[in-house]
Amino acid sequence: MGRIRIAALALMVVVCLNGPANAADVELKGIPLVWKPTQMTSSLEAIDLTVFQNIKFTVLPFNDVRKNPSEIGKNVEKRDVDHARLVTTKDNVAAWLTERFIQVLKEFDIDAAGSGGTLSLEADIVKFYVTEEALYKADVALKVRLKSPTGALLWEGFVTTSASRWGASYKAENYYELLSNTMIDAIHTLLKNDAFRQAVQKK
């Protein structure tokens, strides 16, 4: 009996240290979206924001035009498309990004809300994705429209950004951090866009 108990205890220690035997097979499917940037807006290249003074943006609900709205990433380390490990979310990406867009504009000290603005912003989500191979690589692409209070189109353009980083294999935290950072970069890129700034100024 003593040997059996010792063996059982040894097995329990191994499980506690290494986790369940199938832990490596856990799939990142139906995970919630988490905003987890590792960079602050203040750390980015400075922008002259005077053009946005006395402007309040109404950020209209985004449109998700991606083929697979629930899919936000994949791991292709095995270099075999048939064995790609997908990352999907149960959350509404369009609604979530609309809220984050407003939040980041405010972090840039720009007045923004879901209603009551002097100008309107809306966007199509063309790409919001992380591909994990040797590195994690995120790509965000938005087709943004600036509209007058009457709905007239003042400006339309694509905003595309990408970023990459090292990280432990197939970890939700790495997907969260890279998507959050790349989204901040996309908004920063929009605010620097000369044509967009001129359209705001002419309003």
C-alpha atoms as a PDB file:
ATOM      1  CA  MET A   1       0.000   0.000   0.000  1.00  0.00           C
ATOM      2  CA  GLY A   2       2.888   2.335   0.770  1.00  0.00           C
ATOM      3  CA  ARG A   3       4.300   2.035  -2.730  1.00  0.00           C
ATOM      4  CA  ILE A   4       0.882   2.626  -4.291  1.00  0.00           C
ATOM      5  CA  ARG A   5       0.381   5.787  -2.254  1.00  0.00           C
ATOM      6  CA  ILE A   6       3.827   7.073  -3.181  1.00  0.00           C
ATOM      7  CA  ALA A   7       3.143   6.411  -6.874  1.00  0.00           C
ATOM      8  CA  ALA A   8      -0.214   8.173  -6.657  1.00  0.00           C
ATOM      9  CA  LEU A   9       1.355  11.182  -4.972  1.00  0.00           C
ATOM     10  CA  ALA A  10       4.076  11.317  -7.618  1.00  0.00           C
ATOM     11  CA  LEU A  11       1.448  11.313 -10.366  1.00  0.00           C
ATOM     12  CA  MET A  12      -0.451  14.153  -8.675  1.00  0.00           C
ATOM     13  CA  VAL A  13       2.739  16.239  -8.497  1.00  0.00           C
ATOM     14  CA  VAL A  14       3.367  15.729 -12.231  1.00  0.00           C
ATOM     15  CA  VAL A  15      -0.192  16.786 -13.075  1.00  0.00           C
ATOM     16  CA  CYS A  16       0.033  19.865 -10.864  1.00  0.00           C
ATOM     17  CA  LEU A  17       3.338  20.913 -12.395  1.00  0.00           C
ATOM     18  CA  ASN A  18       2.475  20.228 -16.000  1.00  0.00           C
ATOM     19  CA  GLY A  19      -1.298  20.698 -16.040  1.00  0.00           C
ATOM     20  CA  PRO A  20      -3.752  18.333 -17.702  1.00  0.00           C
ATOM     21  CA  ALA A  21      -2.267  15.977 -20.257  1.00  0.00           C
ATOM     22  CA  ASN A  22      -4.217  17.681 -23.046  1.00  0.00           C
ATOM     23  CA  ALA A  23      -3.406  21.275 -22.018  1.00  0.00           C
ATOM     24  CA  ALA A  24      -1.338  21.787 -25.180  1.00  0.00           C
ATOM     25  CA  ASP A  25      -4.387  20.857 -27.233  1.00  0.00           C
ATOM     26  CA  VAL A  26      -6.650  23.546 -25.764  1.00  0.00           C
ATOM     27  CA  GLU A  27      -8.071  25.597 -28.631  1.00  0.00           C
ATOM     28  CA  LEU A  28      -8.577  29.371 -28.479  1.00  0.00           C
ATOM     29  CA  LYS A  29     -12.109  29.227 -29.796  1.00  0.00           C
ATOM     30  CA  GLY A  30     -14.983  31.402 -28.613  1.00  0.00           C
ATOM     31  CA  ILE A  31     -12.705  33.473 -26.384  1.00  0.00           C
ATOM     32  CA  PRO A  32     -13.850  36.939 -25.238  1.00  0.00           C
ATOM     33  CA  LEU A  33     -12.262  40.044 -26.724  1.00  0.00           C
ATOM     34  CA  VAL A  34      -9.955  41.753 -24.246  1.00  0.00           C
ATOM     35  CA  TRP A  35      -8.457  45.223 -24.654  1.00  0.00           C
ATOM     36  CA  LYS A  36      -4.872  44.826 -23.476  1.00  0.00           C
ATOM     37  CA  PRO A  37      -2.471  47.311 -25.101  1.00  0.00           C
ATOM     38  CA  THR A  38       1.146  47.368 -24.020  1.00  0.00           C
ATOM     39  CA  GLN A  39       1.736  50.850 -25.422  1.00  0.00           C
ATOM     40  CA  MET A  40       0.233  54.201 -24.425  1.00  0.00           C
ATOM     41  CA  THR A  41      -0.963  56.842 -26.866  1.00  0.00           C
ATOM     42  CA  SER A  42       1.508  59.250 -25.240  1.00  0.00           C
ATOM     43  CA  SER A  43       4.390  57.030 -26.375  1.00  0.00           C
ATOM     44  CA  LEU A  44       3.549  57.493 -30.062  1.00  0.00           C
ATOM     45  CA  GLU A  45       4.799  60.191 -32.411  1.00  0.00           C
ATOM     46  CA  ALA A  46       3.366  63.565 -31.389  1.00  0.00           C
ATOM     47  CA  ILE A  47       0.536  64.927 -33.562  1.00  0.00           C
ATOM     48  CA  ASP A  48      -0.679  68.515 -33.870  1.00  0.00           C
ATOM     49  CA  LEU A  49      -4.259  68.112 -32.662  1.00  0.00           C
ATOM     50  CA  THR A  50      -5.357  71.748 -33.036  1.00  0.00           C
ATOM     51  CA  VAL A  51      -7.362  70.850 -36.151  1.00  0.00           C
ATOM     52  CA  PHE A  52      -9.618  68.743 -33.931  1.00  0.00           C
ATOM     53  CA  GLN A  53     -10.361  71.493 -31.426  1.00  0.00           C
ATOM     54  CA  ASN A  54     -14.045  72.390 -31.174  1.00  0.00           C
ATOM     55  CA  ILE A  55     -14.891  69.185 -33.014  1.00  0.00           C
ATOM     56  CA  LYS A  56     -16.924  66.380 -31.522  1.00  0.00           C
ATOM     57  CA  PHE A  57     -17.004  63.129 -33.442  1.00  0.00           C
ATOM     58  CA  THR A  58     -19.990  60.837 -33.462  1.00  0.00           C
ATOM     59  CA  VAL A  59     -18.558  57.375 -33.997  1.00  0.00           C
ATOM     60  CA  LEU A  60     -21.228  55.357 -35.759  1.00  0.00           C
ATOM     61  CA  PRO A  61     -21.407  51.560 -35.402  1.00  0.00           C
ATOM     62  CA  PHE A  62     -18.702  49.871 -37.445  1.00  0.00           C
ATOM     63  CA  ASN A  63     -19.531  47.419 -40.232  1.00  0.00           C
ATOM     64  CA  ASP A  64     -17.700  44.089 -40.233  1.00  0.00           C
ATOM     65  CA  VAL A  65     -17.137  43.113 -43.875  1.00  0.00           C
ATOM     66  CA  ARG A  66     -14.696  40.272 -43.162  1.00  0.00           C
ATOM     67  CA  LYS A  67     -15.561  36.838 -44.531  1.00  0.00           C
ATOM     68  CA  ASN A  68     -15.395  35.167 -41.106  1.00  0.00           C
ATOM     69  CA  PRO A  69     -16.466  37.730 -38.462  1.00  0.00           C
ATOM     70  CA  SER A  70     -15.693  35.464 -35.495  1.00  0.00           C
ATOM     71  CA  GLU A  71     -12.143  34.634 -36.626  1.00  0.00           C
ATOM     72  CA  ILE A  72      -9.381  36.907 -35.288  1.00  0.00           C
ATOM     73  CA  GLY A  73      -6.243  34.815 -35.737  1.00  0.00           C
ATOM     74  CA  LYS A  74      -4.516  31.554 -36.452  1.00  0.00           C
ATOM     75  CA  ASN A  75      -1.359  29.640 -35.581  1.00  0.00           C
ATOM     76  CA  VAL A  76       0.417  28.199 -38.623  1.00  0.00           C
ATOM     77  CA  GLU A  77       3.699  27.179 -36.999  1.00  0.00           C
ATOM     78  CA  LYS A  78       3.372  23.701 -38.518  1.00  0.00           C
ATOM     79  CA  ARG A  79       3.301  25.311 -42.009  1.00  0.00           C
ATOM     80  CA  ASP A  80       0.299  23.230 -42.909  1.00  0.00           C
ATOM     81  CA  VAL A  81      -2.925  25.077 -43.647  1.00  0.00           C
ATOM     82  CA  ASP A  82      -4.952  21.987 -42.808  1.00  0.00           C
ATOM     83  CA  HIS A  83      -3.478  22.005 -39.301  1.00  0.00           C
ATOM     84  CA  ALA A  84      -3.806  25.745 -38.597  1.00  0.00           C
ATOM     85  CA  ARG A  85      -5.066  26.383 -35.076  1.00  0.00           C
ATOM     86  CA  LEU A  86      -7.718  29.062 -35.292  1.00  0.00           C
ATOM     87  CA  VAL A  87      -8.454  31.800 -32.789  1.00  0.00           C
ATOM     88  CA  THR A  88     -12.115  32.835 -32.697  1.00  0.00           C
ATOM     89  CA  THR A  89     -14.242  35.048 -30.483  1.00  0.00           C
ATOM     90  CA  LYS A  90     -17.812  34.816 -29.302  1.00  0.00           C
ATOM     91  CA  ASP A  91     -18.033  38.616 -29.058  1.00  0.00           C
ATOM     92  CA  ASN A  92     -19.274  41.103 -31.651  1.00  0.00           C
ATOM     93  CA  VAL A  93     -16.044  42.469 -33.138  1.00  0.00           C
ATOM     94  CA  ALA A  94     -17.748  45.455 -34.813  1.00  0.00           C
ATOM     95  CA  ALA A  95     -19.452  46.638 -31.620  1.00  0.00           C
ATOM     96  CA  TRP A  96     -16.303  46.057 -29.585  1.00  0.00           C
ATOM     97  CA  LEU A  97     -14.083  48.000 -32.000  1.00  0.00           C
ATOM     98  CA  THR A  98     -16.563  50.875 -32.159  1.00  0.00           C
ATOM     99  CA  GLU A  99     -16.281  51.281 -28.391  1.00  0.00           C
ATOM    100  CA  ARG A 100     -12.490  50.973 -28.443  1.00  0.00           C
ATOM    101  CA  PHE A 101     -12.281  53.551 -31.247  1.00  0.00           C
ATOM    102  CA  ILE A 102     -14.141  56.086 -29.107  1.00  0.00           C
ATOM    103  CA  GLN A 103     -11.975  55.243 -26.103  1.00  0.00           C
ATOM    104  CA  VAL A 104      -8.696  55.764 -27.979  1.00  0.00           C
ATOM    105  CA  LEU A 105      -9.859  59.053 -29.536  1.00  0.00           C
ATOM    106  CA  LYS A 106     -10.530  60.295 -26.017  1.00  0.00           C
ATOM    107  CA  GLU A 107      -7.042  59.201 -24.973  1.00  0.00           C
ATOM    108  CA  PHE A 108      -5.765  61.494 -27.727  1.00  0.00           C
ATOM    109  CA  ASP A 109      -7.848  64.286 -26.090  1.00  0.00           C
ATOM    110  CA  ILE A 110     -10.338  64.287 -28.953  1.00  0.00           C
ATOM    111  CA  ASP A 111     -14.015  64.651 -28.133  1.00  0.00           C
ATOM    112  CA  ALA A 112     -15.891  61.552 -29.301  1.00  0.00           C
ATOM    113  CA  ALA A 113     -19.084  59.724 -28.404  1.00  0.00           C
ATOM    114  CA  GLY A 114     -21.764  57.533 -29.877  1.00  0.00           C
ATOM    115  CA  SER A 115     -24.014  60.500 -30.663  1.00  0.00           C
ATOM    116  CA  GLY A 116     -24.296  64.290 -30.535  1.00  0.00           C
ATOM    117  CA  GLY A 117     -21.219  65.086 -32.609  1.00  0.00           C
ATOM    118  CA  THR A 118     -20.523  67.832 -35.128  1.00  0.00           C
ATOM    119  CA  LEU A 119     -18.981  65.333 -37.555  1.00  0.00           C
ATOM    120  CA  SER A 120     -19.515  61.601 -37.946  1.00  0.00           C
ATOM    121  CA  LEU A 121     -17.018  58.781 -38.362  1.00  0.00           C
ATOM    122  CA  GLU A 122     -17.841  55.281 -39.485  1.00  0.00           C
ATOM    123  CA  ALA A 123     -15.705  52.398 -40.684  1.00  0.00           C
ATOM    124  CA  ASP A 124     -15.776  49.055 -42.422  1.00  0.00           C
ATOM    125  CA  ILE A 125     -13.585  46.445 -40.759  1.00  0.00           C
ATOM    126  CA  VAL A 126     -11.647  44.976 -43.674  1.00  0.00           C
ATOM    127  CA  LYS A 127      -9.011  43.170 -41.615  1.00  0.00           C
ATOM    128  CA  PHE A 128      -8.521  42.493 -37.912  1.00  0.00           C
ATOM    129  CA  TYR A 129      -6.279  39.491 -37.650  1.00  0.00           C
ATOM    130  CA  VAL A 130      -3.153  37.928 -36.183  1.00  0.00           C
ATOM    131  CA  THR A 131      -1.142  35.246 -37.968  1.00  0.00           C
ATOM    132  CA  GLU A 132       1.246  33.372 -35.700  1.00  0.00           C
ATOM    133  CA  GLU A 133       4.218  31.640 -37.291  1.00  0.00           C
ATOM    134  CA  ALA A 134       7.800  32.355 -36.220  1.00  0.00           C
ATOM    135  CA  LEU A 135       6.401  35.658 -34.912  1.00  0.00           C
ATOM    136  CA  TYR A 136       2.972  36.990 -34.092  1.00  0.00           C
ATOM    137  CA  LYS A 137       1.953  39.380 -36.900  1.00  0.00           C
ATOM    138  CA  ALA A 138      -1.160  41.547 -36.684  1.00  0.00           C
ATOM    139  CA  ASP A 139      -2.888  43.353 -39.545  1.00  0.00           C
ATOM    140  CA  VAL A 140      -5.659  45.910 -39.154  1.00  0.00           C
ATOM    141  CA  ALA A 141      -7.365  47.566 -42.112  1.00  0.00           C
ATOM    142  CA  LEU A 142     -10.287  49.987 -41.849  1.00  0.00           C
ATOM    143  CA  LYS A 143     -12.170  51.831 -44.561  1.00  0.00           C
ATOM    144  CA  VAL A 144     -13.086  55.059 -42.781  1.00  0.00           C
ATOM    145  CA  ARG A 145     -15.663  57.649 -43.785  1.00  0.00           C
ATOM    146  CA  LEU A 146     -16.018  61.196 -42.458  1.00  0.00           C
ATOM    147  CA  LYS A 147     -19.480  62.680 -42.819  1.00  0.00           C
ATOM    148  CA  SER A 148     -21.150  66.025 -42.214  1.00  0.00           C
ATOM    149  CA  PRO A 149     -24.126  66.461 -39.859  1.00  0.00           C
ATOM    150  CA  THR A 150     -26.398  66.059 -42.927  1.00  0.00           C
ATOM    151  CA  GLY A 151     -24.712  62.800 -43.905  1.00  0.00           C
ATOM    152  CA  ALA A 152     -22.679  64.199 -46.793  1.00  0.00           C
ATOM    153  CA  LEU A 153     -19.440  62.317 -47.416  1.00  0.00           C
ATOM    154  CA  LEU A 154     -16.479  64.593 -46.678  1.00  0.00           C
ATOM    155  CA  TRP A 155     -13.670  62.051 -46.885  1.00  0.00           C
ATOM    156  CA  GLU A 156     -13.156  58.328 -47.361  1.00  0.00           C
ATOM    157  CA  GLY A 157      -9.949  56.358 -47.154  1.00  0.00           C
ATOM    158  CA  PHE A 158      -8.197  53.196 -46.047  1.00  0.00           C
ATOM    159  CA  VAL A 159      -6.181  53.013 -42.869  1.00  0.00           C
ATOM    160  CA  THR A 160      -3.870  50.003 -42.683  1.00  0.00           C
ATOM    161  CA  THR A 161      -1.353  49.084 -39.993  1.00  0.00           C
ATOM    162  CA  SER A 162       0.635  46.015 -39.044  1.00  0.00           C
ATOM    163  CA  ALA A 163       2.930  44.969 -36.226  1.00  0.00           C
ATOM    164  CA  SER A 164       4.812  41.899 -35.063  1.00  0.00           C
ATOM    165  CA  ARG A 165       6.301  40.536 -31.878  1.00  0.00           C
ATOM    166  CA  TRP A 166       7.757  37.458 -30.238  1.00  0.00           C
ATOM    167  CA  GLY A 167       5.686  35.505 -27.767  1.00  0.00           C
ATOM    168  CA  ALA A 168       4.962  32.107 -26.296  1.00  0.00           C
ATOM    169  CA  SER A 169       3.129  29.864 -28.731  1.00  0.00           C
ATOM    170  CA  TYR A 170      -0.647  30.110 -29.102  1.00  0.00           C
ATOM    171  CA  LYS A 171      -1.361  32.331 -26.104  1.00  0.00           C
ATOM    172  CA  ALA A 172      -4.516  34.465 -25.983  1.00  0.00           C
ATOM    173  CA  GLU A 173      -2.652  37.253 -24.189  1.00  0.00           C
ATOM    174  CA  ASN A 174      -0.300  37.711 -27.152  1.00  0.00           C
ATOM    175  CA  TYR A 175      -3.210  37.971 -29.586  1.00  0.00           C
ATOM    176  CA  TYR A 176      -4.944  40.495 -27.318  1.00  0.00           C
ATOM    177  CA  GLU A 177      -1.894  42.696 -26.857  1.00  0.00           C
ATOM    178  CA  LEU A 178      -0.929  42.793 -30.522  1.00  0.00           C
ATOM    179  CA  LEU A 179      -4.454  43.484 -31.792  1.00  0.00           C
ATOM    180  CA  SER A 180      -4.890  46.255 -29.203  1.00  0.00           C
ATOM    181  CA  ASN A 181      -1.563  47.900 -30.078  1.00  0.00           C
ATOM    182  CA  THR A 182      -2.226  47.677 -33.808  1.00  0.00           C
ATOM    183  CA  MET A 183      -5.669  49.225 -33.397  1.00  0.00           C
ATOM    184  CA  ILE A 184      -4.131  52.164 -31.524  1.00  0.00           C
ATOM    185  CA  ASP A 185      -1.615  52.521 -34.355  1.00  0.00           C
ATOM    186  CA  ALA A 186      -4.467  52.564 -36.892  1.00  0.00           C
ATOM    187  CA  ILE A 187      -6.192  55.450 -35.115  1.00  0.00           C
ATOM    188  CA  HIS A 188      -2.880  57.287 -34.780  1.00  0.00           C
ATOM    189  CA  THR A 189      -2.338  56.820 -38.529  1.00  0.00           C
ATOM    190  CA  LEU A 190      -5.807  58.214 -39.259  1.00  0.00           C
ATOM    191  CA  LEU A 191      -5.201  61.306 -37.150  1.00  0.00           C
ATOM    192  CA  LYS A 192      -1.944  61.958 -39.046  1.00  0.00           C
ATOM    193  CA  ASN A 193      -3.543  61.551 -42.476  1.00  0.00           C
ATOM    194  CA  ASP A 194      -3.270  64.902 -44.311  1.00  0.00           C
ATOM    195  CA  ALA A 195      -6.357  64.390 -46.475  1.00  0.00           C
ATOM    196  CA  PHE A 196      -8.436  63.446 -43.435  1.00  0.00           C
ATOM    197  CA  ARG A 197      -7.179  66.435 -41.468  1.00  0.00           C
ATOM    198  CA  GLN A 198      -7.944  68.806 -44.352  1.00  0.00           C
ATOM    199  CA  ALA A 199     -11.473  67.420 -44.641  1.00  0.00           C
ATOM    200  CA  VAL A 200     -12.025  67.987 -40.911  1.00  0.00           C
ATOM    201  CA  GLN A 201     -10.676  71.512 -41.180  1.00  0.00           C
ATOM    202  CA  LYS A 202     -12.955  72.400 -44.105  1.00  0.00           C
ATOM    203  CA  LYS A 203     -16.025  70.886 -42.439  1.00  0.00           C
END
